[in-house]
C-alpha cells in the first residue's frame, strides 16, 4: 500500500524522448532501463471493445416468449426510464468512456461528472464502450431479462474520441494514470484531498487497461495508484484483466480449409490445446496486477444465440460440471492432470482429452475415491456407470473404486459393470479391542504426529499416540482413520491460531466440539470428560 501517489502532471503536453532504433526495440520488448523505469508509462491504454449494429434479419427473442407474460411485465416496468434520478447518492461508479446518458435504458440512471472529457468532445455515435459498460452494470445481460439496479451509478468519462483515431481512447495529450487519479478525487475527495463526508462511493468499475504494458515482474505505477486510492479512500476497484487479441498458431491445421472441414469436437480440442501452449504470452495487462483490487478475468458468455459472422466459440456452454456426472468424472481427471481447461467441453471432448492425458503421463493406476457420489445421470440417456464400464473396456489403465457401503449397490446396479469388477475388498473401521488393529491405529496416530513436525507445521511432537490422547482419538473416530486426520487438521488450525508449538488437548477438544460433534460422529467431548468405552462397541468374548 503506497503512502503517497506518484507526482502526476495536471494536463498539457508530455515531455518526449528521442530514442535510437535499438533503444526503441528494447523498449517495445519491455526490456532495459528505460522500460523498467518507475516513472515511465507507456501511453497507449485502450478499452478492448468493439461492436457493430445488429444487421437486418438478426434473431430477436420476444420477451414474453422468453420469460412469460407476468415476469415480462415486471421487467418492462423496471427497465422503463425513471421520471427522475434516484434521491440516494451513488455507491458504485464507473471510469470508462462517455455513456449515452439519455438512452432509453440509461436515462436518469447515471450521474456523470465531467473532469477532463466533456460530452461535446465525444459524438454520440462514438460513445460505445462507456455505454456498454454502464448498461451492463445497471441491467446485466439484456438477453437474460433481469431487473435493473434501482440506484443511480456515477460515471467519470476518461475515454474520448480523438478525431485522428477510430477507437475510444484517452486524450493523446494527457497521461491516463493522471486522469484516473483526478477522476477518483472528483468522486470522493474534497479540495484538501480528504474523503468527503457526503461521498458514498465504495466500488469502482475500471474496465480499461494498457495494452502496451503486460504485467512483467513488478507492479506498474498505474497499479500502485489504484492500491493507494483503495487504501486512502476505502475503495474497491473491480479491474479488467485485459483482453489478449494477439494471434496464435494452431498445432494441427495448416489451412483454413482444414480447420473448417474438421469435426467441431476435434477443433475444440485443438483450439484449447493451442491456447494452453500460448498461455506464457497471455498475461494480465496493467493495472490488473493491483494488490488491493479485484481483477476479473473470464471467458465470454451471454444469452445471445449463435456467433457473429466469421467468429466461433471454442468453448462449450459455460457452467460448473456436476461432479457426480460423467462430465464431472472426466473434469476431475483433467484437473488432477493439470489441465487448465478441465471444465471446458462436452462429455465426449473431455473423455478424449482425459484419455490423451492419461496416456501421455503414463498413468498406471487410476483411483476414483468416493465413487458413490457418481450416482447422478449426466444426461437422461447416459448413466455414469455406463461411462465407468466404457472406461474399463477402453483399457486405458486399471481402475480402483473406493467408497462407503453405498458404493456397492451403486456399482452392482449395472450388471455389465459388476461383471467386470473383482470381488470388493472390505476395509471396515479398525477394531479397538483387537490388539493388532489397535497397534495399527497407534502407529497411524504417531505417523501423523511426526508428519506435522517434518513438514514444519508444528515444532514439537503433540503426543497423539500417547495415553489419554490416543484413547480419546479412538473414541471420536470409532476406528475410522480418515476421521482422525480430519480431527487433527481442525485441531491444527486451532493451535496455529495461538502460535502454539504443538497441538494440545484444548485444541483437540475445540476440534471435537466444532467438527466431530457437529458431524454427528460423537455426542460428547471425550477430551474434557471420561471416555465411554461403549463407543468402541462390545468387547469380544
Foldseek 3Di string as FASTA:
>chain_A
DDPDADDFDPFFADDDDDDDPVVVVCLLVCDDPVSPPQPDDDADWAQPDDDDPDDPPFDDDDQCVVPNDVLSVVLVVLQAADPAADPADAQEEEEEADAPCCPRRRDNQEAEDEDPEDPVQADNVQRPPVNVVVCCQFPNFVVVSDRGDNHHYYYYYQWGCDPVDPHTHGPPRGGSLSVVLVSVCVQANDPVRAGDPRHNHAEYEASMFHPSAFDDDDAHSSLVSVLNCCVRHVHEYEYEQDDDPDDFDFPPDDDVVVLVPDDLLVNLLRVLVRCVVVVVVVGGGPPLVRDRYHYDDDDDDHPRPDDPPPDDDSWDHDDAADCLELLVVLLVLCVVLVRPPSNTDDSVSSVVVSLVSCVVVVPAEAEDEQNLSNQDYSDPVGRVLVVVLVVVVVCSHYYHYHHPPSVVCSNVVPVSSVVVDDPDDDDDFQQCLDPVSVVVLLVLQQVVQVVCCVVPLAVDRAQCSDDPNVVQLCLLCLRPVVVSVQLVVQLSVVCVVVVHRGRYLVSSQVSCVVPSCVVVSDPDRCSVPPRDCCSSPDNDD
